[in-house]
Amino acid sequence: MKTYELTYMENWTAHREIHRAVMPEKILTGLYFDMPRECYDRIPAANQSTLKAMLKESPAHARAAILFRVEKEAWTFGTAFDRLVTMGEDFVWEDYYAIWNHKTSTGKLGPRNGKAWDEFEMVAVAANKAVLRPQDVEALELMLVSLHEFKTASAQFTRGGDLCVCLVWKDERTGVLMKALLDKVVMDDMPTIDDIKTMHSVAPGDAEKAIVLYGYDVQGATYIRGCVALGAPAPNFLLTCVEKEARIVNSDDELRHAVRVLELDGPTLLRGNILLDSALDLWLACKTSKRWDAYPDRIDSVSVPLWALSEVGVE
């Protein structure tokens, strides 16, 4: 019997028609287009965030993040910007966020405590909505304007391609089921993944430190590995980085947020792949043993950093 294997581009198109905006009862490996984040979060697979937690904190931290996901305030801000950029005109603030706009008797924004806040938070939680302040919304909308005024970033998002693409695959070496949610992926003669980041500073040096601190090299390695596992050519991995505070002006002297587009190079992605393999080995060991330990149950000897000792003359 003659078999025919779809080329990657044909496979991509076929998946687009089959799985667009669908949350199947049983997740199969493949591509899922326009998948809402809420559906993605329910897929029982390892992702780059939990794998990074395995190494940076402990398996117990990673397990807790899966079973008891809590949206941190910094994540809320970053996720809101992701949605604002990728959803375009379909995005409506009130669909996803509760805007805290309670004013005190003096006209100032009310504090996040007291009876009014407790009642507001209860309604927000019941509606499964994260909380933002009016100044958050204003900042995020100006960040979007800043991104589109930055020609290199704007060109990436007007280039075509697909937004909010979910990948599900089995890691070839360990067999671990993996998932990833890509902000944007373009599969043409220059395959590219573009991930949106909000940062305190995108200045040279600061952005590179953030890549190491937050494991964006592991993220890039994971996304590329997922694409290759599903039959795609290895794409480039770009970070479109936007500062959280408006600290620059444009050519018309209007206040804007600084933007940089960064491409992770070979050595950086190699580092990410080495760390990713270590995390997958640990994940597999925990899953096999059904033990997700935190820190060793013992007394650890600890020493402050050498610079802290040297500043008081201790060698």
Protein backbone atom coordinates (compact mmCIF):
# COMPACT_ATOMS: atom_id res chain seq x y z
CA MET A 1 0.00 0.00 0.00
CA LYS A 2 1.38 3.36 -1.01
CA THR A 3 1.75 5.88 1.82
CA TYR A 4 1.97 9.61 1.41
CA GLU A 5 3.48 11.89 4.02
CA LEU A 6 2.24 15.46 3.99
CA THR A 7 4.85 18.14 3.54
CA TYR A 8 5.10 20.54 6.45
CA MET A 9 3.26 23.39 4.75
CA GLU A 10 0.44 21.05 3.69
CA ASN A 11 0.30 19.63 7.19
CA TRP A 12 0.18 23.16 8.63
CA THR A 13 -2.72 24.11 6.36
CA ALA A 14 -4.62 20.90 7.11
CA HIS A 15 -4.30 21.44 10.85
CA ARG A 16 -5.44 25.04 10.48
CA GLU A 17 -8.73 23.90 8.93
CA ILE A 18 -9.29 21.04 11.38
CA HIS A 19 -8.34 22.54 14.71
CA ARG A 20 -9.10 26.24 14.49
CA ALA A 21 -10.62 27.43 17.77
CA VAL A 22 -11.39 23.87 18.88
CA MET A 23 -10.68 22.25 22.26
CA PRO A 24 -10.97 18.52 21.53
CA GLU A 25 -11.91 16.05 24.25
CA LYS A 26 -8.60 14.27 23.77
CA ILE A 27 -5.53 16.31 22.94
CA LEU A 28 -3.48 14.82 20.12
CA THR A 29 -0.02 15.93 19.11
CA GLY A 30 -0.15 18.59 16.43
CA LEU A 31 -1.03 22.21 15.79
CA TYR A 32 -3.98 24.09 17.26
CA PHE A 33 -4.79 27.52 15.87
CA ASP A 34 -6.47 30.38 17.74
CA MET A 35 -6.56 28.35 20.95
CA PRO A 36 -7.64 30.49 23.92
CA ARG A 37 -5.14 30.59 26.77
CA GLU A 38 -7.77 29.12 29.10
CA CYS A 39 -7.89 25.98 26.92
CA TYR A 40 -4.13 25.83 26.60
CA ASP A 41 -3.71 25.92 30.38
CA ARG A 42 -5.86 22.77 30.71
CA ILE A 43 -3.67 20.63 28.44
CA PRO A 44 -1.91 18.10 30.73
CA ALA A 45 1.60 18.54 29.34
CA ALA A 46 4.91 20.10 30.35
CA ASN A 47 5.68 23.58 29.07
CA GLN A 48 8.69 25.85 29.19
CA SER A 49 7.48 27.70 32.31
CA THR A 50 7.08 24.59 34.45
CA LEU A 51 10.33 23.11 33.17
CA LYS A 52 12.20 26.29 34.10
CA ALA A 53 10.66 26.09 37.57
CA MET A 54 12.07 22.55 37.90
CA LEU A 55 15.59 23.95 37.64
CA LYS A 56 15.26 27.41 39.17
CA GLU A 57 13.21 26.32 42.19
CA SER A 58 12.25 22.65 42.61
CA PRO A 59 10.02 19.91 41.19
CA ALA A 60 7.52 20.62 43.99
CA HIS A 61 7.27 24.26 42.86
CA ALA A 62 6.70 23.14 39.27
CA ARG A 63 4.03 20.64 40.32
CA ALA A 64 2.24 23.26 42.42
CA ALA A 65 2.26 25.69 39.49
CA ILE A 66 0.41 23.09 37.42
CA LEU A 67 -2.14 22.01 40.04
CA PHE A 68 -2.76 25.39 41.66
CA ARG A 69 -2.06 27.99 38.98
CA VAL A 70 -2.01 31.48 40.47
CA GLU A 71 -1.77 34.49 38.18
CA LYS A 72 0.99 36.76 39.46
CA GLU A 73 0.54 40.50 38.98
CA ALA A 74 3.53 40.70 36.63
CA TRP A 75 2.08 37.85 34.57
CA THR A 76 -1.28 39.63 34.39
CA PHE A 77 0.36 42.71 32.88
CA GLY A 78 2.39 40.70 30.37
CA THR A 79 -0.53 38.46 29.39
CA ALA A 80 -2.73 41.53 28.89
CA PHE A 81 -0.19 42.98 26.47
CA ASP A 82 0.05 39.66 24.62
CA ARG A 83 -3.71 39.66 24.17
CA LEU A 84 -3.79 43.32 23.15
CA VAL A 85 -1.20 42.71 20.42
CA THR A 86 -2.31 39.33 19.12
CA MET A 87 -6.09 39.71 19.28
CA GLY A 88 -6.23 43.15 17.63
CA GLU A 89 -9.74 44.49 17.14
CA ASP A 90 -11.24 41.35 18.69
CA PHE A 91 -9.81 42.26 22.09
CA VAL A 92 -12.21 43.83 24.62
CA TRP A 93 -10.81 44.69 28.06
CA GLU A 94 -13.96 43.75 29.96
CA ASP A 95 -14.00 40.24 28.46
CA TYR A 96 -10.86 39.28 30.38
CA TYR A 97 -10.20 41.89 33.05
CA ALA A 98 -11.96 43.64 35.90
CA ILE A 99 -10.85 47.28 35.99
CA TRP A 100 -10.46 48.59 39.56
CA ASN A 101 -11.69 52.17 39.30
CA HIS A 102 -13.10 52.79 42.79
CA LYS A 103 -12.47 56.37 43.91
CA THR A 104 -12.09 57.64 47.47
CA SER A 105 -13.86 60.75 48.77
CA THR A 106 -10.83 62.79 47.65
CA GLY A 107 -11.10 61.47 44.09
CA LYS A 108 -8.03 59.23 44.29
CA LEU A 109 -7.98 55.59 43.24
CA GLY A 110 -9.05 53.48 46.20
CA PRO A 111 -6.58 51.12 47.91
CA ARG A 112 -6.71 47.38 47.33
CA ASN A 113 -8.14 46.61 50.74
CA GLY A 114 -11.31 47.31 52.70
CA LYS A 115 -14.93 46.44 52.03
CA ALA A 116 -15.14 47.95 48.53
CA TRP A 117 -12.05 46.06 47.37
CA ASP A 118 -13.18 42.77 48.96
CA GLU A 119 -16.53 42.95 47.15
CA PHE A 120 -14.87 43.91 43.86
CA GLU A 121 -12.33 41.10 44.11
CA MET A 122 -15.05 38.56 44.92
CA VAL A 123 -16.96 39.49 41.75
CA ALA A 124 -13.76 39.41 39.66
CA VAL A 125 -12.77 35.96 40.94
CA ALA A 126 -16.29 34.61 40.33
CA ALA A 127 -16.08 35.87 36.74
CA ASN A 128 -12.57 34.39 36.33
CA LYS A 129 -11.13 37.81 35.54
CA ALA A 130 -7.76 39.27 36.54
CA VAL A 131 -7.66 42.79 37.96
CA LEU A 132 -6.09 45.81 36.29
CA ARG A 133 -6.04 49.48 37.23
CA PRO A 134 -6.98 52.31 34.83
CA GLN A 135 -3.32 53.36 34.67
CA ASP A 136 -2.40 49.80 33.64
CA VAL A 137 -4.84 49.96 30.73
CA GLU A 138 -3.52 53.38 29.71
CA ALA A 139 0.09 52.16 29.83
CA LEU A 140 -0.68 48.99 27.86
CA GLU A 141 -2.46 50.91 25.12
CA LEU A 142 0.46 53.33 24.82
CA MET A 143 2.83 50.35 24.67
CA LEU A 144 0.85 49.06 21.70
CA VAL A 145 1.16 52.43 19.97
CA SER A 146 4.90 52.42 20.70
CA LEU A 147 5.29 48.91 19.26
CA HIS A 148 3.55 49.86 16.01
CA GLU A 149 5.65 53.05 15.67
CA PHE A 150 8.84 50.97 15.91
CA LYS A 151 9.25 49.97 12.26
CA THR A 152 11.16 46.74 12.81
CA ALA A 153 8.59 45.42 15.30
CA SER A 154 5.66 46.66 13.23
CA ALA A 155 7.05 44.91 10.14
CA GLN A 156 7.16 41.61 12.02
CA PHE A 157 3.49 41.83 12.95
CA THR A 158 2.32 42.92 9.50
CA ARG A 159 4.35 40.20 7.79
CA GLY A 160 1.57 37.63 7.87
CA GLY A 161 1.71 34.29 9.62
CA ASP A 162 -0.38 32.90 12.47
CA LEU A 163 -1.09 34.24 15.96
CA CYS A 164 -1.71 32.25 19.15
CA VAL A 165 -0.53 28.90 17.77
CA CYS A 166 -0.53 25.97 20.20
CA LEU A 167 1.96 23.15 19.65
CA VAL A 168 1.60 19.73 21.30
CA TRP A 169 4.34 17.13 20.77
CA LYS A 170 6.27 14.33 22.41
CA ASP A 171 9.90 15.01 23.15
CA GLU A 172 11.83 12.56 20.99
CA ARG A 173 14.51 11.76 23.58
CA THR A 174 12.44 11.44 26.77
CA GLY A 175 8.90 10.84 25.51
CA VAL A 176 7.59 13.66 27.71
CA LEU A 177 4.40 15.26 26.34
CA MET A 178 5.13 18.94 25.68
CA LYS A 179 3.08 22.00 24.82
CA ALA A 180 3.79 25.59 23.81
CA LEU A 181 1.67 28.62 22.99
CA LEU A 182 3.38 30.83 20.41
CA ASP A 183 2.46 34.51 20.16
CA LYS A 184 3.25 34.52 16.45
CA VAL A 185 4.84 32.13 13.97
CA VAL A 186 5.59 32.72 10.29
CA MET A 187 6.35 29.76 8.07
CA ASP A 188 7.67 31.15 4.78
CA ASP A 189 11.16 31.22 3.26
CA MET A 190 12.40 32.65 6.59
CA PRO A 191 10.59 30.70 9.36
CA THR A 192 10.29 32.85 12.48
CA ILE A 193 8.77 32.70 15.95
CA ASP A 194 8.11 36.12 17.49
CA ASP A 195 7.44 36.30 21.23
CA ILE A 196 6.27 39.48 22.96
CA LYS A 197 7.97 40.54 26.19
CA THR A 198 7.40 43.41 28.60
CA MET A 199 10.57 44.47 30.43
CA HIS A 200 11.66 47.09 32.93
CA SER A 201 14.55 47.97 30.61
CA VAL A 202 15.37 46.91 27.05
CA ALA A 203 18.74 48.68 27.09
CA PRO A 204 21.77 46.72 25.79
CA GLY A 205 23.01 44.61 28.70
CA ASP A 206 19.72 44.76 30.62
CA ALA A 207 17.78 42.78 28.02
CA GLU A 208 20.53 40.17 27.83
CA LYS A 209 20.45 39.79 31.62
CA ALA A 210 16.68 39.31 31.45
CA ILE A 211 17.14 36.50 28.91
CA VAL A 212 19.26 34.61 31.44
CA LEU A 213 17.25 35.58 34.53
CA TYR A 214 13.87 34.60 33.10
CA GLY A 215 15.05 31.72 30.94
CA TYR A 216 14.04 33.10 27.56
CA ASP A 217 16.82 30.98 26.04
CA VAL A 218 15.05 27.87 27.38
CA GLN A 219 11.78 29.21 26.00
CA GLY A 220 13.30 29.71 22.55
CA ALA A 221 14.85 26.24 22.58
CA THR A 222 11.51 24.71 23.59
CA TYR A 223 9.52 26.49 20.88
CA ILE A 224 12.01 25.63 18.16
CA ARG A 225 12.13 21.99 19.28
CA GLY A 226 8.33 21.83 19.16
CA CYS A 227 8.20 23.15 15.60
CA VAL A 228 10.86 20.70 14.44
CA ALA A 229 9.10 17.80 16.19
CA LEU A 230 5.96 18.59 14.17
CA GLY A 231 7.84 18.60 10.88
CA ALA A 232 8.74 22.27 10.46
CA PRO A 233 12.13 23.70 9.54
CA ALA A 234 13.88 25.18 12.58
CA PRO A 235 12.68 28.79 12.86
CA ASN A 236 14.53 31.83 14.14
CA PHE A 237 13.44 32.98 17.60
CA LEU A 238 12.77 36.69 18.09
CA LEU A 239 11.84 38.63 21.21
CA THR A 240 9.85 41.82 20.66
CA CYS A 241 10.61 43.66 23.90
CA VAL A 242 8.69 46.70 25.14
CA GLU A 243 9.55 48.67 28.28
CA LYS A 244 6.81 48.84 30.91
CA GLU A 245 7.35 52.55 31.58
CA ALA A 246 7.16 55.34 29.02
CA ARG A 247 10.67 56.81 29.23
CA ILE A 248 11.45 58.00 25.70
CA VAL A 249 9.97 60.43 23.17
CA ASN A 250 9.26 59.89 19.48
CA SER A 251 10.10 62.25 16.61
CA ASP A 252 7.14 64.46 17.62
CA ASP A 253 8.33 64.64 21.24
CA GLU A 254 5.44 62.45 22.37
CA LEU A 255 6.05 60.14 25.31
CA ARG A 256 6.55 56.53 24.28
CA HIS A 257 7.80 53.13 25.51
CA ALA A 258 11.18 51.95 24.23
CA VAL A 259 11.10 48.89 21.94
CA ARG A 260 13.79 46.46 20.78
CA VAL A 261 13.60 43.34 18.63
CA LEU A 262 16.17 40.71 19.62
CA GLU A 263 17.14 37.48 17.86
CA LEU A 264 18.64 34.78 20.05
CA ASP A 265 21.91 33.56 18.54
CA GLY A 266 23.30 30.03 18.27
CA PRO A 267 25.29 29.89 21.54
CA THR A 268 22.34 31.33 23.47
CA LEU A 269 19.96 28.72 22.07
CA LEU A 270 22.55 25.98 22.71
CA ARG A 271 22.57 27.04 26.37
CA GLY A 272 18.77 26.90 26.33
CA ASN A 273 18.79 23.38 24.87
CA ILE A 274 21.27 22.11 27.48
CA LEU A 275 19.07 23.47 30.30
CA LEU A 276 15.94 22.14 28.61
CA ASP A 277 17.40 18.63 28.45
CA SER A 278 18.35 18.81 32.15
CA ALA A 279 14.81 19.90 33.05
CA LEU A 280 13.23 17.14 30.93
CA ASP A 281 15.44 14.49 32.57
CA LEU A 282 14.37 15.72 36.00
CA TRP A 283 10.71 15.87 34.93
CA LEU A 284 10.83 12.30 33.65
CA ALA A 285 12.51 11.08 36.84
CA CYS A 286 9.85 12.75 38.99
CA LYS A 287 7.01 11.37 36.88
CA THR A 288 8.49 7.87 36.96
CA SER A 289 9.06 7.90 40.73
CA LYS A 290 5.88 9.89 41.43
CA ARG A 291 7.97 12.09 43.73
CA TRP A 292 8.02 15.86 43.24
CA ASP A 293 10.38 16.95 46.00
CA ALA A 294 11.15 20.48 47.13
CA TYR A 295 14.41 21.03 49.01
CA PRO A 296 16.43 18.35 50.88
CA ASP A 297 15.19 17.61 54.42
CA ARG A 298 18.42 18.56 56.18
CA ILE A 299 20.42 21.46 57.63
CA ASP A 300 22.39 23.20 54.88
CA SER A 301 25.53 25.21 55.55
CA VAL A 302 25.22 28.60 53.86
CA SER A 303 27.66 31.38 53.06
CA VAL A 304 26.94 34.86 51.78
CA PRO A 305 28.48 35.83 48.40
CA LEU A 306 32.23 36.56 48.28
CA TRP A 307 31.64 40.25 47.53
CA ALA A 308 29.65 40.60 50.76
CA LEU A 309 32.53 39.05 52.73
CA SER A 310 35.22 41.12 51.01
CA GLU A 311 33.44 44.42 51.69
CA VAL A 312 34.07 43.88 55.42
CA GLY A 313 37.57 42.44 54.99
CA VAL A 314 36.71 38.75 55.31
CA GLU A 315 38.57 36.48 52.90
